[in-house]
Amino acid sequence: MKTIFERLYDSEITFAVNSFCWCGFDVNLGDDMNGFKASTTVDTWAEVEQWLEAQARLHFPNSVFALSTGDNND
């Protein structure tokens, strides 16, 4: 099964994750060139994945990513 990161990449949905010790993870959906759709800070890596999935489905509802279940190699 592909990771959420591979599935986002395959759907041409950009994102960025930055971390700094003991400060959690800054997560952005989008990029500098095209703008950011959403941003947040979370405490765990699992939250990074959950947040990216939810936001990608919300902001790109017609994308291959949003239309796939994520349970196979879509």
PDB file of N, CA and C in Angstrom:
ATOM      1  N   MET A   1       0.839  -1.175   0.000  1.00  0.00           N
ATOM      2  CA  MET A   1       0.000   0.000   0.000  1.00  0.00           C
ATOM      3  C   MET A   1       0.891   1.248   0.000  1.00  0.00           C
ATOM      4  N   LYS A   2       0.510   2.224  -0.799  1.00  0.00           N
ATOM      5  CA  LYS A   2       1.260   3.471  -0.849  1.00  0.00           C
ATOM      6  C   LYS A   2       0.977   4.300   0.394  1.00  0.00           C
ATOM      7  N   THR A   3       1.965   5.078   0.796  1.00  0.00           N
ATOM      8  CA  THR A   3       1.780   5.977   1.928  1.00  0.00           C
ATOM      9  C   THR A   3       0.920   7.172   1.508  1.00  0.00           C
ATOM     10  N   ILE A   4       0.410   7.885   2.466  1.00  0.00           N
ATOM     11  CA  ILE A   4      -0.361   9.087   2.162  1.00  0.00           C
ATOM     12  C   ILE A   4       0.491  10.084   1.387  1.00  0.00           C
ATOM     13  N   PHE A   5       1.765  10.140   1.694  1.00  0.00           N
ATOM     14  CA  PHE A   5       2.664  11.082   1.030  1.00  0.00           C
ATOM     15  C   PHE A   5       2.842  10.726  -0.446  1.00  0.00           C
ATOM     16  N   GLU A   6       2.966   9.440  -0.747  1.00  0.00           N
ATOM     17  CA  GLU A   6       3.060   8.995  -2.137  1.00  0.00           C
ATOM     18  C   GLU A   6       1.759   9.267  -2.880  1.00  0.00           C
ATOM     19  N   ARG A   7       0.637   9.031  -2.218  1.00  0.00           N
ATOM     20  CA  ARG A   7      -0.667   9.255  -2.844  1.00  0.00           C
ATOM     21  C   ARG A   7      -0.902  10.739  -3.126  1.00  0.00           C
ATOM     22  N   LEU A   8      -0.510  11.608  -2.204  1.00  0.00           N
ATOM     23  CA  LEU A   8      -0.620  13.048  -2.447  1.00  0.00           C
ATOM     24  C   LEU A   8       0.270  13.453  -3.621  1.00  0.00           C
ATOM     25  N   TYR A   9       1.492  12.973  -3.624  1.00  0.00           N
ATOM     26  CA  TYR A   9       2.440  13.291  -4.694  1.00  0.00           C
ATOM     27  C   TYR A   9       1.904  12.824  -6.045  1.00  0.00           C
ATOM     28  N   ASP A  10       1.396  11.596  -6.085  1.00  0.00           N
ATOM     29  CA  ASP A  10       0.845  11.051  -7.332  1.00  0.00           C
ATOM     30  C   ASP A  10      -0.338  11.867  -7.840  1.00  0.00           C
ATOM     31  N   SER A  11      -1.069  12.504  -6.930  1.00  0.00           N
ATOM     32  CA  SER A  11      -2.219  13.334  -7.300  1.00  0.00           C
ATOM     33  C   SER A  11      -1.829  14.792  -7.542  1.00  0.00           C
ATOM     34  N   GLU A  12      -0.533  15.078  -7.478  1.00  0.00           N
ATOM     35  CA  GLU A  12      -0.002  16.422  -7.691  1.00  0.00           C
ATOM     36  C   GLU A  12      -0.548  17.427  -6.679  1.00  0.00           C
ATOM     37  N   ILE A  13      -0.717  16.961  -5.444  1.00  0.00           N
ATOM     38  CA  ILE A  13      -1.123  17.818  -4.333  1.00  0.00           C
ATOM     39  C   ILE A  13       0.123  18.068  -3.498  1.00  0.00           C
ATOM     40  N   THR A  14       0.537  19.309  -3.432  1.00  0.00           N
ATOM     41  CA  THR A  14       1.776  19.633  -2.732  1.00  0.00           C
ATOM     42  C   THR A  14       1.527  19.893  -1.251  1.00  0.00           C
ATOM     43  N   PHE A  15       2.572  19.659  -0.478  1.00  0.00           N
ATOM     44  CA  PHE A  15       2.502  19.849   0.966  1.00  0.00           C
ATOM     45  C   PHE A  15       3.906  20.032   1.510  1.00  0.00           C
ATOM     46  N   ALA A  16       3.988  20.529   2.729  1.00  0.00           N
ATOM     47  CA  ALA A  16       5.283  20.689   3.386  1.00  0.00           C
ATOM     48  C   ALA A  16       5.115  20.372   4.865  1.00  0.00           C
ATOM     49  N   VAL A  17       6.149  19.728   5.422  1.00  0.00           N
ATOM     50  CA  VAL A  17       6.163  19.427   6.852  1.00  0.00           C
ATOM     51  C   VAL A  17       7.507  19.881   7.397  1.00  0.00           C
ATOM     52  N   ASN A  18       7.478  20.706   8.424  1.00  0.00           N
ATOM     53  CA  ASN A  18       8.696  21.171   9.084  1.00  0.00           C
ATOM     54  C   ASN A  18       8.609  20.827  10.556  1.00  0.00           C
ATOM     55  N   SER A  19       9.763  20.539  11.142  1.00  0.00           N
ATOM     56  CA  SER A  19       9.762  20.239  12.572  1.00  0.00           C
ATOM     57  C   SER A  19      10.914  20.958  13.258  1.00  0.00           C
ATOM     58  N   PHE A  20      10.722  21.151  14.543  1.00  0.00           N
ATOM     59  CA  PHE A  20      11.769  21.693  15.396  1.00  0.00           C
ATOM     60  C   PHE A  20      11.608  20.986  16.733  1.00  0.00           C
ATOM     61  N   CYS A  21      12.692  20.506  17.264  1.00  0.00           N
ATOM     62  CA  CYS A  21      12.637  19.694  18.485  1.00  0.00           C
ATOM     63  C   CYS A  21      11.696  20.273  19.530  1.00  0.00           C
ATOM     64  N   TRP A  22      10.840  19.432  20.048  1.00  0.00           N
ATOM     65  CA  TRP A  22       9.898  19.741  21.128  1.00  0.00           C
ATOM     66  C   TRP A  22       8.854  20.789  20.776  1.00  0.00           C
ATOM     67  N   CYS A  23       8.733  21.120  19.494  1.00  0.00           N
ATOM     68  CA  CYS A  23       7.740  22.121  19.083  1.00  0.00           C
ATOM     69  C   CYS A  23       6.704  21.545  18.124  1.00  0.00           C
ATOM     70  N   GLY A  24       6.712  20.249  17.921  1.00  0.00           N
ATOM     71  CA  GLY A  24       5.742  19.638  17.025  1.00  0.00           C
ATOM     72  C   GLY A  24       6.114  19.794  15.565  1.00  0.00           C
ATOM     73  N   PHE A  25       5.095  19.704  14.727  1.00  0.00           N
ATOM     74  CA  PHE A  25       5.278  19.734  13.281  1.00  0.00           C
ATOM     75  C   PHE A  25       4.398  20.828  12.684  1.00  0.00           C
ATOM     76  N   ASP A  26       4.989  21.688  11.863  1.00  0.00           N
ATOM     77  CA  ASP A  26       4.228  22.657  11.093  1.00  0.00           C
ATOM     78  C   ASP A  26       3.875  21.977   9.770  1.00  0.00           C
ATOM     79  N   VAL A  27       2.589  21.954   9.448  1.00  0.00           N
ATOM     80  CA  VAL A  27       2.120  21.243   8.264  1.00  0.00           C
ATOM     81  C   VAL A  27       1.392  22.229   7.357  1.00  0.00           C
ATOM     82  N   ASN A  28       1.713  22.196   6.082  1.00  0.00           N
ATOM     83  CA  ASN A  28       1.098  23.083   5.097  1.00  0.00           C
ATOM     84  C   ASN A  28       0.599  22.274   3.908  1.00  0.00           C
ATOM     85  N   LEU A  29      -0.604  22.553   3.485  1.00  0.00           N
ATOM     86  CA  LEU A  29      -1.133  21.964   2.263  1.00  0.00           C
ATOM     87  C   LEU A  29      -1.014  23.033   1.192  1.00  0.00           C
ATOM     88  N   GLY A  30      -0.212  22.768   0.174  1.00  0.00           N
ATOM     89  CA  GLY A  30       0.071  23.737  -0.873  1.00  0.00           C
ATOM     90  C   GLY A  30       1.556  24.022  -0.929  1.00  0.00           C
ATOM     91  N   ASP A  31       1.919  25.115  -1.593  1.00  0.00           N
ATOM     92  CA  ASP A  31       3.334  25.455  -1.739  1.00  0.00           C
ATOM     93  C   ASP A  31       3.512  26.951  -1.936  1.00  0.00           C
ATOM     94  N   ASP A  32       4.762  27.395  -1.877  1.00  0.00           N
ATOM     95  CA  ASP A  32       5.081  28.818  -2.015  1.00  0.00           C
ATOM     96  C   ASP A  32       4.642  29.390  -3.361  1.00  0.00           C
ATOM     97  N   MET A  33       4.795  28.623  -4.420  1.00  0.00           N
ATOM     98  CA  MET A  33       4.504  29.123  -5.759  1.00  0.00           C
ATOM     99  C   MET A  33       3.000  29.295  -5.993  1.00  0.00           C
ATOM    100  N   ASN A  34       2.213  28.341  -5.551  1.00  0.00           N
ATOM    101  CA  ASN A  34       0.775  28.355  -5.830  1.00  0.00           C
ATOM    102  C   ASN A  34      -0.075  28.777  -4.640  1.00  0.00           C
ATOM    103  N   GLY A  35       0.546  28.970  -3.517  1.00  0.00           N
ATOM    104  CA  GLY A  35      -0.176  29.362  -2.318  1.00  0.00           C
ATOM    105  C   GLY A  35      -0.543  28.169  -1.445  1.00  0.00           C
ATOM    106  N   PHE A  36      -0.922  28.470  -0.235  1.00  0.00           N
ATOM    107  CA  PHE A  36      -1.280  27.433   0.734  1.00  0.00           C
ATOM    108  C   PHE A  36      -2.783  27.425   0.941  1.00  0.00           C
ATOM    109  N   LYS A  37      -3.357  26.246   0.946  1.00  0.00           N
ATOM    110  CA  LYS A  37      -4.788  26.067   1.184  1.00  0.00           C
ATOM    111  C   LYS A  37      -5.092  26.015   2.674  1.00  0.00           C
ATOM    112  N   ALA A  38      -4.162  25.447   3.445  1.00  0.00           N
ATOM    113  CA  ALA A  38      -4.380  25.294   4.885  1.00  0.00           C
ATOM    114  C   ALA A  38      -3.037  25.071   5.568  1.00  0.00           C
ATOM    115  N   SER A  39      -2.974  25.438   6.838  1.00  0.00           N
ATOM    116  CA  SER A  39      -1.760  25.265   7.643  1.00  0.00           C
ATOM    117  C   SER A  39      -2.152  24.982   9.089  1.00  0.00           C
ATOM    118  N   THR A  40      -1.293  24.241   9.774  1.00  0.00           N
ATOM    119  CA  THR A  40      -1.525  23.961  11.189  1.00  0.00           C
ATOM    120  C   THR A  40      -0.224  23.531  11.842  1.00  0.00           C
ATOM    121  N   THR A  41      -0.261  23.361  13.146  1.00  0.00           N
ATOM    122  CA  THR A  41       0.829  22.762  13.907  1.00  0.00           C
ATOM    123  C   THR A  41       0.229  21.620  14.711  1.00  0.00           C
ATOM    124  N   VAL A  42       0.871  20.457  14.651  1.00  0.00           N
ATOM    125  CA  VAL A  42       0.403  19.285  15.393  1.00  0.00           C
ATOM    126  C   VAL A  42       1.555  18.711  16.203  1.00  0.00           C
ATOM    127  N   ASP A  43       1.224  17.838  17.144  1.00  0.00           N
ATOM    128  CA  ASP A  43       2.229  17.302  18.058  1.00  0.00           C
ATOM    129  C   ASP A  43       2.892  16.011  17.599  1.00  0.00           C
ATOM    130  N   THR A  44       2.192  15.195  16.800  1.00  0.00           N
ATOM    131  CA  THR A  44       2.724  13.881  16.446  1.00  0.00           C
ATOM    132  C   THR A  44       2.732  13.661  14.938  1.00  0.00           C
ATOM    133  N   TRP A  45       3.536  12.694  14.510  1.00  0.00           N
ATOM    134  CA  TRP A  45       3.616  12.345  13.093  1.00  0.00           C
ATOM    135  C   TRP A  45       2.284  11.767  12.618  1.00  0.00           C
ATOM    136  N   ALA A  46       1.618  10.998  13.466  1.00  0.00           N
ATOM    137  CA  ALA A  46       0.312  10.447  13.107  1.00  0.00           C
ATOM    138  C   ALA A  46      -0.683  11.571  12.818  1.00  0.00           C
ATOM    139  N   GLU A  47      -0.618  12.643  13.586  1.00  0.00           N
ATOM    140  CA  GLU A  47      -1.501  13.791  13.359  1.00  0.00           C
ATOM    141  C   GLU A  47      -1.181  14.491  12.039  1.00  0.00           C
ATOM    142  N   VAL A  48       0.095  14.491  11.647  1.00  0.00           N
ATOM    143  CA  VAL A  48       0.477  15.055  10.343  1.00  0.00           C
ATOM    144  C   VAL A  48      -0.281  14.322   9.245  1.00  0.00           C
ATOM    145  N   GLU A  49      -0.224  12.994   9.285  1.00  0.00           N
ATOM    146  CA  GLU A  49      -0.880  12.185   8.257  1.00  0.00           C
ATOM    147  C   GLU A  49      -2.395  12.386   8.258  1.00  0.00           C
ATOM    148  N   GLN A  50      -3.002  12.363   9.440  1.00  0.00           N
ATOM    149  CA  GLN A  50      -4.458  12.530   9.548  1.00  0.00           C
ATOM    150  C   GLN A  50      -4.900  13.893   9.039  1.00  0.00           C
ATOM    151  N   TRP A  51      -4.172  14.929   9.415  1.00  0.00           N
ATOM    152  CA  TRP A  51      -4.523  16.285   9.011  1.00  0.00           C
ATOM    153  C   TRP A  51      -4.381  16.455   7.507  1.00  0.00           C
ATOM    154  N   LEU A  52      -3.263  15.980   6.943  1.00  0.00           N
ATOM    155  CA  LEU A  52      -3.069  16.100   5.498  1.00  0.00           C
ATOM    156  C   LEU A  52      -4.170  15.384   4.730  1.00  0.00           C
ATOM    157  N   GLU A  53      -4.533  14.199   5.180  1.00  0.00           N
ATOM    158  CA  GLU A  53      -5.588  13.459   4.482  1.00  0.00           C
ATOM    159  C   GLU A  53      -6.910  14.225   4.525  1.00  0.00           C
ATOM    160  N   ALA A  54      -7.296  14.689   5.681  1.00  0.00           N
ATOM    161  CA  ALA A  54      -8.566  15.410   5.818  1.00  0.00           C
ATOM    162  C   ALA A  54      -8.575  16.688   4.982  1.00  0.00           C
ATOM    163  N   GLN A  55      -7.489  17.443   5.033  1.00  0.00           N
ATOM    164  CA  GLN A  55      -7.432  18.713   4.313  1.00  0.00           C
ATOM    165  C   GLN A  55      -7.362  18.514   2.803  1.00  0.00           C
ATOM    166  N   ALA A  56      -6.642  17.496   2.354  1.00  0.00           N
ATOM    167  CA  ALA A  56      -6.568  17.220   0.915  1.00  0.00           C
ATOM    168  C   ALA A  56      -7.939  16.836   0.380  1.00  0.00           C
ATOM    169  N   ARG A  57      -8.661  16.030   1.130  1.00  0.00           N
ATOM    170  CA  ARG A  57     -10.017  15.647   0.707  1.00  0.00           C
ATOM    171  C   ARG A  57     -10.946  16.861   0.692  1.00  0.00           C
ATOM    172  N   LEU A  58     -10.802  17.759   1.658  1.00  0.00           N
ATOM    173  CA  LEU A  58     -11.633  18.959   1.743  1.00  0.00           C
ATOM    174  C   LEU A  58     -11.340  19.931   0.601  1.00  0.00           C
ATOM    175  N   HIS A  59     -10.071  20.212   0.366  1.00  0.00           N
ATOM    176  CA  HIS A  59      -9.683  21.240  -0.601  1.00  0.00           C
ATOM    177  C   HIS A  59      -9.557  20.740  -2.033  1.00  0.00           C
ATOM    178  N   PHE A  60      -9.420  19.425  -2.209  1.00  0.00           N
ATOM    179  CA  PHE A  60      -9.298  18.851  -3.549  1.00  0.00           C
ATOM    180  C   PHE A  60     -10.263  17.671  -3.687  1.00  0.00           C
ATOM    181  N   PRO A  61     -11.577  17.917  -3.557  1.00  0.00           N
ATOM    182  CA  PRO A  61     -12.554  16.828  -3.517  1.00  0.00           C
ATOM    183  C   PRO A  61     -12.660  16.005  -4.796  1.00  0.00           C
ATOM    184  N   ASN A  62     -12.232  16.561  -5.920  1.00  0.00           N
ATOM    185  CA  ASN A  62     -12.317  15.833  -7.185  1.00  0.00           C
ATOM    186  C   ASN A  62     -10.990  15.229  -7.625  1.00  0.00           C
ATOM    187  N   SER A  63      -9.987  15.283  -6.748  1.00  0.00           N
ATOM    188  CA  SER A  63      -8.667  14.746  -7.084  1.00  0.00           C
ATOM    189  C   SER A  63      -8.681  13.219  -7.031  1.00  0.00           C
ATOM    190  N   VAL A  64      -7.720  12.621  -7.693  1.00  0.00           N
ATOM    191  CA  VAL A  64      -7.547  11.170  -7.614  1.00  0.00           C
ATOM    192  C   VAL A  64      -7.375  10.771  -6.153  1.00  0.00           C
ATOM    193  N   PHE A  65      -6.659  11.563  -5.403  1.00  0.00           N
ATOM    194  CA  PHE A  65      -6.444  11.283  -3.984  1.00  0.00           C
ATOM    195  C   PHE A  65      -7.765  11.207  -3.238  1.00  0.00           C
ATOM    196  N   ALA A  66      -8.615  12.211  -3.389  1.00  0.00           N
ATOM    197  CA  ALA A  66      -9.880  12.258  -2.654  1.00  0.00           C
ATOM    198  C   ALA A  66     -10.841  11.166  -3.089  1.00  0.00           C
ATOM    199  N   LEU A  67     -10.783  10.809  -4.339  1.00  0.00           N
ATOM    200  CA  LEU A  67     -11.697   9.793  -4.850  1.00  0.00           C
ATOM    201  C   LEU A  67     -11.235   8.372  -4.567  1.00  0.00           C
ATOM    202  N   SER A  68      -9.989   8.221  -4.137  1.00  0.00           N
ATOM    203  CA  SER A  68      -9.482   6.887  -3.812  1.00  0.00           C
ATOM    204  C   SER A  68      -9.733   6.575  -2.343  1.00  0.00           C
ATOM    205  N   THR A  69      -9.748   5.305  -2.034  1.00  0.00           N
ATOM    206  CA  THR A  69      -9.977   4.904  -0.636  1.00  0.00           C
ATOM    207  C   THR A  69      -8.707   4.885   0.162  1.00  0.00           C
ATOM    208  N   GLY A  70      -7.566   4.732  -0.511  1.00  0.00           N
ATOM    209  CA  GLY A  70      -6.296   4.632   0.192  1.00  0.00           C
ATOM    210  C   GLY A  70      -6.015   3.234   0.682  1.00  0.00           C
ATOM    211  N   ASP A  71      -6.928   2.294   0.398  1.00  0.00           N
ATOM    212  CA  ASP A  71      -6.764   0.915   0.865  1.00  0.00           C
ATOM    213  C   ASP A  71      -6.000   0.050  -0.108  1.00  0.00           C
ATOM    214  N   ASN A  72      -5.652   0.611  -1.272  1.00  0.00           N
ATOM    215  CA  ASN A  72      -4.899  -0.172  -2.255  1.00  0.00           C
ATOM    216  C   ASN A  72      -3.874   0.724  -2.918  1.00  0.00           C
ATOM    217  N   ASN A  73      -3.353   0.312  -4.005  1.00  0.00           N
ATOM    218  CA  ASN A  73      -2.316   1.074  -4.703  1.00  0.00           C
ATOM    219  C   ASN A  73      -2.892   2.025  -5.736  1.00  0.00           C
ATOM    220  N   ASP A  74      -4.025   2.672  -5.431  1.00  0.00           N
ATOM    221  CA  ASP A  74      -4.651   3.625  -6.358  1.00  0.00           C
ATOM    222  C   ASP A  74      -3.643   4.615  -6.892  1.00  0.00           C
TER     223      ASP A  74
END
